[in-house]
Amino acid sequence: MKYARLTKEQFDELHAEFASFLATQAIDKAEWDSLKINKPEVAEQELDVFSDLIWEGVLGRAEFLEHFSKNHIFLFHCFDTYVQSIVLKSLVPETDFLSKEGLQWLSDNMFTDNIEMKVGKKVFTEDRNSSIFELITQGAFLSDGQLFTQINTILKS
């Protein structure tokens, strides 16, 4: 398995897609039910292969990621061969970017001495999708890129 198995909730959401996936392998419902009982290791492999296929599709389309922590916000724009980053760090220790008040504070203090901003670029040293998956396992999530784009536009002007 290249990534991680989908959760039960994710499988539930992707029920129709999973059924289609099994159908492409000539596995109908009766055979799937039989596999789960009689050959659970084969059923597990099917779950893993499907999970990797879903992750491959999601990661292949991933363009923007965000990761919030108490005092930092990491914004990523993913390209084919590299990732561009903007890191915002609060220099006021009691700031909490995980709260609504912390985000309002950020908005009010964005271009003051209370915020340290760093811009970076990193070339993917391994497979692009694996690199993005690693960011997700560290707490990043897919985003629409609005925050990255806004800050990047301001920085360039």
N, C-alpha and C. Protein backbone atom coordinates (compact mmCIF):
# COMPACT_ATOMS: atom_id res chain seq x y z
N MET A 1 0.84 -1.17 0.00
CA MET A 1 0.00 0.00 0.00
C MET A 1 0.89 1.24 0.00
N LYS A 2 0.60 2.15 -0.90
CA LYS A 2 1.44 3.33 -1.06
C LYS A 2 1.06 4.45 -0.09
N TYR A 3 -0.23 4.61 0.19
CA TYR A 3 -0.69 5.72 1.03
C TYR A 3 -1.28 5.19 2.33
N ALA A 4 -2.57 5.35 2.51
CA ALA A 4 -3.24 4.86 3.71
C ALA A 4 -4.62 4.39 3.32
N ARG A 5 -5.09 3.40 4.04
CA ARG A 5 -6.43 2.91 3.75
C ARG A 5 -7.46 3.97 4.12
N LEU A 6 -8.46 4.08 3.27
CA LEU A 6 -9.55 5.01 3.55
C LEU A 6 -10.27 4.58 4.82
N THR A 7 -10.87 5.53 5.49
CA THR A 7 -11.64 5.21 6.70
C THR A 7 -12.97 4.58 6.31
N LYS A 8 -13.64 4.00 7.27
CA LYS A 8 -14.96 3.43 7.01
C LYS A 8 -15.90 4.50 6.46
N GLU A 9 -15.83 5.70 7.03
CA GLU A 9 -16.68 6.80 6.57
C GLU A 9 -16.38 7.15 5.12
N GLN A 10 -15.11 7.16 4.76
CA GLN A 10 -14.73 7.47 3.38
C GLN A 10 -15.22 6.37 2.43
N PHE A 11 -15.08 5.11 2.85
CA PHE A 11 -15.60 4.02 2.03
C PHE A 11 -17.11 4.14 1.86
N ASP A 12 -17.80 4.50 2.94
CA ASP A 12 -19.26 4.68 2.86
C ASP A 12 -19.61 5.76 1.84
N GLU A 13 -18.87 6.86 1.86
CA GLU A 13 -19.10 7.96 0.91
C GLU A 13 -18.82 7.53 -0.53
N LEU A 14 -17.86 6.63 -0.68
CA LEU A 14 -17.43 6.20 -2.02
C LEU A 14 -18.00 4.83 -2.39
N HIS A 15 -19.12 4.48 -1.79
CA HIS A 15 -19.71 3.16 -1.99
C HIS A 15 -19.91 2.83 -3.48
N ALA A 16 -20.50 3.76 -4.22
CA ALA A 16 -20.77 3.52 -5.65
C ALA A 16 -19.47 3.34 -6.43
N GLU A 17 -18.45 4.17 -6.11
CA GLU A 17 -17.16 4.06 -6.80
C GLU A 17 -16.49 2.73 -6.49
N PHE A 18 -16.62 2.28 -5.23
CA PHE A 18 -16.01 1.01 -4.85
C PHE A 18 -16.71 -0.14 -5.56
N ALA A 19 -18.02 -0.06 -5.68
CA ALA A 19 -18.76 -1.10 -6.40
C ALA A 19 -18.30 -1.16 -7.86
N SER A 20 -18.12 0.01 -8.48
CA SER A 20 -17.63 0.06 -9.86
C SER A 20 -16.22 -0.52 -9.96
N PHE A 21 -15.39 -0.19 -8.98
CA PHE A 21 -14.02 -0.71 -8.94
C PHE A 21 -14.05 -2.24 -8.90
N LEU A 22 -14.88 -2.80 -8.02
CA LEU A 22 -14.98 -4.26 -7.93
C LEU A 22 -15.52 -4.85 -9.24
N ALA A 23 -16.47 -4.15 -9.85
CA ALA A 23 -17.05 -4.64 -11.10
C ALA A 23 -16.00 -4.73 -12.21
N THR A 24 -15.05 -3.78 -12.21
CA THR A 24 -13.99 -3.83 -13.23
C THR A 24 -13.11 -5.06 -13.07
N GLN A 25 -13.17 -5.64 -11.87
CA GLN A 25 -12.40 -6.86 -11.60
C GLN A 25 -13.30 -8.09 -11.59
N ALA A 26 -14.50 -7.92 -12.15
CA ALA A 26 -15.48 -9.01 -12.24
C ALA A 26 -15.84 -9.59 -10.87
N ILE A 27 -15.94 -8.70 -9.87
CA ILE A 27 -16.36 -9.11 -8.53
C ILE A 27 -17.72 -8.47 -8.26
N ASP A 28 -18.74 -9.32 -8.17
CA ASP A 28 -20.08 -8.79 -7.86
C ASP A 28 -20.30 -8.83 -6.35
N LYS A 29 -21.48 -8.42 -5.91
CA LYS A 29 -21.76 -8.34 -4.47
C LYS A 29 -21.63 -9.69 -3.79
N ALA A 30 -22.18 -10.72 -4.42
CA ALA A 30 -22.12 -12.06 -3.82
C ALA A 30 -20.68 -12.52 -3.66
N GLU A 31 -19.88 -12.28 -4.70
CA GLU A 31 -18.47 -12.69 -4.62
C GLU A 31 -17.72 -11.87 -3.58
N TRP A 32 -18.04 -10.57 -3.48
CA TRP A 32 -17.39 -9.70 -2.49
C TRP A 32 -17.73 -10.20 -1.08
N ASP A 33 -18.99 -10.51 -0.85
CA ASP A 33 -19.40 -11.02 0.47
C ASP A 33 -18.67 -12.32 0.79
N SER A 34 -18.51 -13.16 -0.21
CA SER A 34 -17.80 -14.42 -0.04
C SER A 34 -16.31 -14.18 0.26
N LEU A 35 -15.71 -13.24 -0.48
CA LEU A 35 -14.29 -12.92 -0.25
C LEU A 35 -14.06 -12.46 1.19
N LYS A 36 -14.93 -11.59 1.67
CA LYS A 36 -14.77 -11.05 3.03
C LYS A 36 -14.78 -12.16 4.07
N ILE A 37 -15.58 -13.20 3.82
CA ILE A 37 -15.68 -14.30 4.79
C ILE A 37 -14.59 -15.35 4.58
N ASN A 38 -14.42 -15.78 3.32
CA ASN A 38 -13.55 -16.91 3.02
C ASN A 38 -12.10 -16.56 2.72
N LYS A 39 -11.87 -15.35 2.20
CA LYS A 39 -10.51 -14.92 1.88
C LYS A 39 -10.33 -13.46 2.32
N PRO A 40 -10.36 -13.23 3.62
CA PRO A 40 -10.29 -11.85 4.10
C PRO A 40 -9.02 -11.11 3.66
N GLU A 41 -7.92 -11.85 3.47
CA GLU A 41 -6.68 -11.20 3.03
C GLU A 41 -6.83 -10.64 1.62
N VAL A 42 -7.59 -11.32 0.75
CA VAL A 42 -7.83 -10.83 -0.61
C VAL A 42 -8.74 -9.59 -0.54
N ALA A 43 -9.75 -9.65 0.31
CA ALA A 43 -10.64 -8.51 0.49
C ALA A 43 -9.86 -7.29 0.99
N GLU A 44 -8.95 -7.53 1.93
CA GLU A 44 -8.11 -6.45 2.46
C GLU A 44 -7.26 -5.83 1.35
N GLN A 45 -6.71 -6.68 0.48
CA GLN A 45 -5.90 -6.18 -0.64
C GLN A 45 -6.73 -5.31 -1.57
N GLU A 46 -7.97 -5.71 -1.83
CA GLU A 46 -8.86 -4.92 -2.68
C GLU A 46 -9.13 -3.56 -2.06
N LEU A 47 -9.35 -3.54 -0.75
CA LEU A 47 -9.57 -2.26 -0.04
C LEU A 47 -8.35 -1.36 -0.17
N ASP A 48 -7.17 -1.96 -0.04
CA ASP A 48 -5.92 -1.19 -0.13
C ASP A 48 -5.69 -0.65 -1.54
N VAL A 49 -5.93 -1.48 -2.55
CA VAL A 49 -5.73 -1.04 -3.94
C VAL A 49 -6.69 0.10 -4.25
N PHE A 50 -7.96 -0.05 -3.85
CA PHE A 50 -8.94 1.01 -4.09
C PHE A 50 -8.53 2.29 -3.36
N SER A 51 -8.09 2.17 -2.12
CA SER A 51 -7.66 3.34 -1.36
C SER A 51 -6.54 4.08 -2.07
N ASP A 52 -5.55 3.34 -2.55
CA ASP A 52 -4.44 3.96 -3.27
C ASP A 52 -4.92 4.65 -4.55
N LEU A 53 -5.86 4.04 -5.25
CA LEU A 53 -6.40 4.67 -6.46
C LEU A 53 -7.08 6.00 -6.13
N ILE A 54 -7.86 6.01 -5.08
CA ILE A 54 -8.54 7.24 -4.68
C ILE A 54 -7.52 8.29 -4.27
N TRP A 55 -6.55 7.90 -3.43
CA TRP A 55 -5.52 8.86 -3.01
C TRP A 55 -4.75 9.40 -4.21
N GLU A 56 -4.40 8.54 -5.15
CA GLU A 56 -3.65 8.96 -6.34
C GLU A 56 -4.42 10.05 -7.07
N GLY A 57 -5.74 9.86 -7.24
CA GLY A 57 -6.56 10.85 -7.92
C GLY A 57 -6.63 12.16 -7.15
N VAL A 58 -6.85 12.08 -5.86
CA VAL A 58 -6.96 13.29 -5.03
C VAL A 58 -5.63 14.04 -5.02
N LEU A 59 -4.55 13.33 -4.79
CA LEU A 59 -3.24 13.97 -4.70
C LEU A 59 -2.80 14.53 -6.05
N GLY A 60 -3.16 13.85 -7.12
CA GLY A 60 -2.80 14.32 -8.46
C GLY A 60 -3.46 15.65 -8.80
N ARG A 61 -4.65 15.89 -8.21
CA ARG A 61 -5.37 17.14 -8.46
C ARG A 61 -5.07 18.20 -7.40
N ALA A 62 -4.37 17.83 -6.34
CA ALA A 62 -4.10 18.76 -5.23
C ALA A 62 -3.28 19.95 -5.73
N GLU A 63 -3.76 21.14 -5.41
CA GLU A 63 -3.04 22.34 -5.82
C GLU A 63 -2.63 23.18 -4.61
N PHE A 64 -3.53 23.30 -3.64
CA PHE A 64 -3.25 24.11 -2.45
C PHE A 64 -3.48 23.30 -1.19
N LEU A 65 -2.62 23.54 -0.19
CA LEU A 65 -2.75 22.92 1.13
C LEU A 65 -2.56 24.00 2.18
N GLU A 66 -3.18 23.78 3.34
CA GLU A 66 -3.00 24.67 4.48
C GLU A 66 -2.78 23.82 5.72
N HIS A 67 -1.97 24.34 6.63
CA HIS A 67 -1.76 23.68 7.92
C HIS A 67 -1.72 24.75 9.00
N PHE A 68 -2.63 24.66 9.94
CA PHE A 68 -2.71 25.62 11.03
C PHE A 68 -2.24 24.98 12.32
N SER A 69 -1.47 25.74 13.09
CA SER A 69 -1.14 25.34 14.45
C SER A 69 -1.32 26.58 15.32
N LYS A 70 -1.03 26.47 16.59
CA LYS A 70 -1.30 27.58 17.51
C LYS A 70 -0.65 28.89 17.05
N ASN A 71 0.61 28.85 16.70
CA ASN A 71 1.34 30.08 16.36
C ASN A 71 1.83 30.16 14.91
N HIS A 72 1.49 29.16 14.10
CA HIS A 72 1.97 29.13 12.72
C HIS A 72 0.83 28.79 11.75
N ILE A 73 0.95 29.34 10.56
CA ILE A 73 0.10 28.93 9.45
C ILE A 73 1.03 28.65 8.28
N PHE A 74 0.91 27.45 7.74
CA PHE A 74 1.70 27.04 6.58
C PHE A 74 0.76 26.97 5.39
N LEU A 75 1.10 27.69 4.33
CA LEU A 75 0.29 27.70 3.11
C LEU A 75 1.15 27.15 1.98
N PHE A 76 0.61 26.22 1.22
CA PHE A 76 1.38 25.57 0.16
C PHE A 76 0.65 25.67 -1.18
N HIS A 77 1.43 25.93 -2.22
CA HIS A 77 0.92 25.88 -3.60
C HIS A 77 1.76 24.82 -4.30
N CYS A 78 1.11 23.74 -4.71
CA CYS A 78 1.82 22.60 -5.29
C CYS A 78 1.83 22.66 -6.81
N PHE A 79 3.01 22.54 -7.36
CA PHE A 79 3.19 22.50 -8.81
C PHE A 79 3.65 21.09 -9.19
N ASP A 80 4.01 20.87 -10.44
CA ASP A 80 4.41 19.53 -10.87
C ASP A 80 5.71 19.06 -10.23
N THR A 81 6.67 19.96 -10.10
CA THR A 81 7.99 19.53 -9.63
C THR A 81 8.43 20.18 -8.31
N TYR A 82 7.65 21.13 -7.82
CA TYR A 82 8.03 21.81 -6.57
C TYR A 82 6.80 22.33 -5.84
N VAL A 83 7.02 22.73 -4.60
CA VAL A 83 5.96 23.34 -3.80
C VAL A 83 6.46 24.71 -3.33
N GLN A 84 5.59 25.69 -3.43
CA GLN A 84 5.89 27.04 -2.96
C GLN A 84 5.19 27.18 -1.61
N SER A 85 5.83 27.83 -0.65
CA SER A 85 5.23 27.96 0.68
C SER A 85 5.27 29.39 1.18
N ILE A 86 4.27 29.69 1.99
CA ILE A 86 4.23 30.92 2.76
C ILE A 86 4.00 30.49 4.20
N VAL A 87 4.88 30.91 5.09
CA VAL A 87 4.75 30.56 6.50
C VAL A 87 4.53 31.84 7.29
N LEU A 88 3.43 31.84 8.05
CA LEU A 88 3.13 32.97 8.93
C LEU A 88 3.36 32.51 10.36
N LYS A 89 4.11 33.33 11.09
CA LYS A 89 4.39 32.99 12.49
C LYS A 89 4.03 34.17 13.35
N SER A 90 3.24 33.91 14.38
CA SER A 90 2.92 34.96 15.33
C SER A 90 4.09 35.14 16.29
N LEU A 91 4.51 36.37 16.48
CA LEU A 91 5.58 36.65 17.44
C LEU A 91 4.98 37.02 18.80
N VAL A 92 3.66 36.91 18.91
CA VAL A 92 2.95 37.11 20.18
C VAL A 92 2.53 35.73 20.65
N PRO A 93 3.21 35.19 21.68
CA PRO A 93 3.01 33.79 22.08
C PRO A 93 1.57 33.41 22.42
N GLU A 94 0.79 34.33 22.94
CA GLU A 94 -0.57 33.95 23.33
C GLU A 94 -1.55 33.88 22.16
N THR A 95 -1.10 34.22 20.98
CA THR A 95 -1.96 34.11 19.79
C THR A 95 -2.27 32.64 19.53
N ASP A 96 -3.51 32.38 19.11
CA ASP A 96 -3.92 31.02 18.80
C ASP A 96 -4.66 31.01 17.46
N PHE A 97 -3.93 30.62 16.41
CA PHE A 97 -4.52 30.59 15.07
C PHE A 97 -5.58 29.50 14.92
N LEU A 98 -5.73 28.66 15.92
CA LEU A 98 -6.75 27.61 15.88
C LEU A 98 -8.10 28.12 16.37
N SER A 99 -8.14 29.38 16.77
CA SER A 99 -9.39 29.97 17.25
C SER A 99 -9.85 31.08 16.32
N LYS A 100 -11.12 31.38 16.40
CA LYS A 100 -11.69 32.46 15.59
C LYS A 100 -11.03 33.79 15.95
N GLU A 101 -10.80 34.00 17.25
CA GLU A 101 -10.15 35.24 17.72
C GLU A 101 -8.73 35.34 17.18
N GLY A 102 -8.02 34.21 17.13
CA GLY A 102 -6.66 34.21 16.61
C GLY A 102 -6.60 34.57 15.14
N LEU A 103 -7.58 34.11 14.39
CA LEU A 103 -7.62 34.44 12.96
C LEU A 103 -7.99 35.90 12.76
N GLN A 104 -8.85 36.43 13.63
CA GLN A 104 -9.19 37.86 13.55
C GLN A 104 -7.95 38.68 13.90
N TRP A 105 -7.20 38.23 14.91
CA TRP A 105 -5.97 38.90 15.30
C TRP A 105 -5.00 38.91 14.12
N LEU A 106 -4.91 37.79 13.42
CA LEU A 106 -4.04 37.70 12.25
C LEU A 106 -4.46 38.73 11.20
N SER A 107 -5.74 38.81 10.95
CA SER A 107 -6.25 39.76 9.97
C SER A 107 -5.87 41.19 10.35
N ASP A 108 -5.98 41.51 11.63
CA ASP A 108 -5.67 42.86 12.11
C ASP A 108 -4.17 43.16 12.14
N ASN A 109 -3.35 42.12 12.24
CA ASN A 109 -1.90 42.30 12.43
C ASN A 109 -1.04 41.76 11.30
N MET A 110 -1.68 41.40 10.20
CA MET A 110 -0.98 40.70 9.11
C MET A 110 0.35 41.35 8.71
N PHE A 111 0.36 42.65 8.50
CA PHE A 111 1.58 43.29 8.02
C PHE A 111 2.18 44.20 9.07
N THR A 112 2.25 43.66 10.29
CA THR A 112 2.88 44.39 11.39
C THR A 112 4.10 43.59 11.84
N ASP A 113 4.81 44.14 12.82
CA ASP A 113 5.98 43.44 13.35
C ASP A 113 5.59 42.24 14.22
N ASN A 114 4.29 42.04 14.44
CA ASN A 114 3.83 40.90 15.24
C ASN A 114 3.78 39.60 14.45
N ILE A 115 3.90 39.71 13.13
CA ILE A 115 3.85 38.53 12.26
C ILE A 115 5.16 38.42 11.48
N GLU A 116 5.75 37.25 11.57
CA GLU A 116 6.93 36.95 10.76
C GLU A 116 6.44 36.15 9.56
N MET A 117 6.83 36.57 8.38
CA MET A 117 6.38 35.92 7.15
C MET A 117 7.60 35.45 6.36
N LYS A 118 7.56 34.18 5.97
CA LYS A 118 8.65 33.64 5.16
C LYS A 118 8.05 32.97 3.93
N VAL A 119 8.72 33.16 2.82
CA VAL A 119 8.31 32.55 1.56
C VAL A 119 9.40 31.57 1.15
N GLY A 120 9.00 30.42 0.66
CA GLY A 120 9.99 29.43 0.26
C GLY A 120 9.54 28.60 -0.92
N LYS A 121 10.47 27.81 -1.40
CA LYS A 121 10.19 26.92 -2.52
C LYS A 121 11.02 25.67 -2.30
N LYS A 122 10.40 24.52 -2.48
CA LYS A 122 11.12 23.26 -2.31
C LYS A 122 10.82 22.35 -3.49
N VAL A 123 11.86 21.86 -4.11
CA VAL A 123 11.70 20.92 -5.21
C VAL A 123 11.36 19.56 -4.60
N PHE A 124 10.41 18.86 -5.19
CA PHE A 124 10.06 17.53 -4.69
C PHE A 124 11.25 16.60 -4.90
N THR A 125 11.70 15.96 -3.83
CA THR A 125 12.83 15.04 -3.94
C THR A 125 12.35 13.63 -4.19
N GLU A 126 11.07 13.38 -3.91
CA GLU A 126 10.48 12.08 -4.23
C GLU A 126 9.27 12.34 -5.10
N ASP A 127 8.49 11.34 -5.32
CA ASP A 127 7.26 11.45 -6.10
C ASP A 127 6.39 12.59 -5.57
N ARG A 128 5.84 13.42 -6.47
CA ARG A 128 5.02 14.58 -6.09
C ARG A 128 3.89 14.17 -5.14
N ASN A 129 3.13 13.16 -5.53
CA ASN A 129 1.98 12.76 -4.73
C ASN A 129 2.39 12.26 -3.35
N SER A 130 3.50 11.55 -3.28
CA SER A 130 3.98 11.07 -1.97
C SER A 130 4.38 12.25 -1.09
N SER A 131 4.99 13.26 -1.69
CA SER A 131 5.38 14.45 -0.93
C SER A 131 4.16 15.18 -0.40
N ILE A 132 3.13 15.30 -1.22
CA ILE A 132 1.90 15.98 -0.79
C ILE A 132 1.21 15.14 0.29
N PHE A 133 1.19 13.83 0.11
CA PHE A 133 0.59 12.94 1.12
C PHE A 133 1.30 13.11 2.46
N GLU A 134 2.61 13.25 2.42
CA GLU A 134 3.39 13.45 3.66
C GLU A 134 2.95 14.73 4.38
N LEU A 135 2.71 15.80 3.62
CA LEU A 135 2.21 17.04 4.23
C LEU A 135 0.85 16.81 4.88
N ILE A 136 0.01 16.03 4.22
CA ILE A 136 -1.32 15.74 4.77
C ILE A 136 -1.21 14.93 6.05
N THR A 137 -0.31 13.95 6.07
CA THR A 137 -0.16 13.14 7.29
C THR A 137 0.39 13.97 8.45
N GLN A 138 1.03 15.09 8.13
CA GLN A 138 1.54 15.99 9.18
C GLN A 138 0.50 17.02 9.61
N GLY A 139 -0.70 16.96 9.02
CA GLY A 139 -1.77 17.84 9.46
C GLY A 139 -2.29 18.83 8.44
N ALA A 140 -1.69 18.87 7.27
CA ALA A 140 -2.18 19.80 6.23
C ALA A 140 -3.48 19.26 5.65
N PHE A 141 -4.27 20.15 5.07
CA PHE A 141 -5.50 19.75 4.42
C PHE A 141 -5.63 20.49 3.10
N LEU A 142 -6.38 19.91 2.19
CA LEU A 142 -6.59 20.52 0.88
C LEU A 142 -7.40 21.80 1.05
N SER A 143 -7.08 22.81 0.27
CA SER A 143 -7.82 24.07 0.36
C SER A 143 -8.05 24.63 -1.04
N ASP A 144 -8.85 25.68 -1.08
CA ASP A 144 -9.14 26.34 -2.36
C ASP A 144 -8.03 27.31 -2.75
N GLY A 145 -7.08 27.55 -1.86
CA GLY A 145 -5.94 28.42 -2.17
C GLY A 145 -6.22 29.90 -2.02
N GLN A 146 -7.38 30.25 -1.52
CA GLN A 146 -7.74 31.66 -1.42
C GLN A 146 -6.77 32.44 -0.53
N LEU A 147 -6.46 31.90 0.64
CA LEU A 147 -5.55 32.59 1.56
C LEU A 147 -4.14 32.70 0.96
N PHE A 148 -3.64 31.62 0.38
CA PHE A 148 -2.32 31.64 -0.26
C PHE A 148 -2.30 32.72 -1.34
N THR A 149 -3.31 32.72 -2.21
CA THR A 149 -3.36 33.65 -3.34
C THR A 149 -3.42 35.10 -2.87
N GLN A 150 -4.25 35.34 -1.85
CA GLN A 150 -4.36 36.72 -1.32
C GLN A 150 -3.03 37.23 -0.80
N ILE A 151 -2.39 36.42 0.03
CA ILE A 151 -1.12 36.84 0.63
C ILE A 151 -0.03 36.94 -0.43
N ASN A 152 0.02 35.99 -1.33
CA ASN A 152 1.02 36.00 -2.39
C ASN A 152 0.86 37.24 -3.28
N THR A 153 -0.37 37.61 -3.58
CA THR A 153 -0.62 38.81 -4.40
C THR A 153 -0.12 40.07 -3.69
N ILE A 154 -0.38 40.15 -2.40
CA ILE A 154 0.06 41.31 -1.62
C ILE A 154 1.59 41.35 -1.55
N LEU A 155 2.22 40.19 -1.36
CA LEU A 155 3.67 40.14 -1.28
C LEU A 155 4.35 40.55 -2.58
N LYS A 156 3.72 40.24 -3.69
CA LYS A 156 4.30 40.57 -4.99
C LYS A 156 4.12 42.03 -5.37
N SER A 157 3.18 42.72 -4.71
CA SER A 157 2.94 44.13 -5.09
C SER A 157 3.78 45.11 -4.32
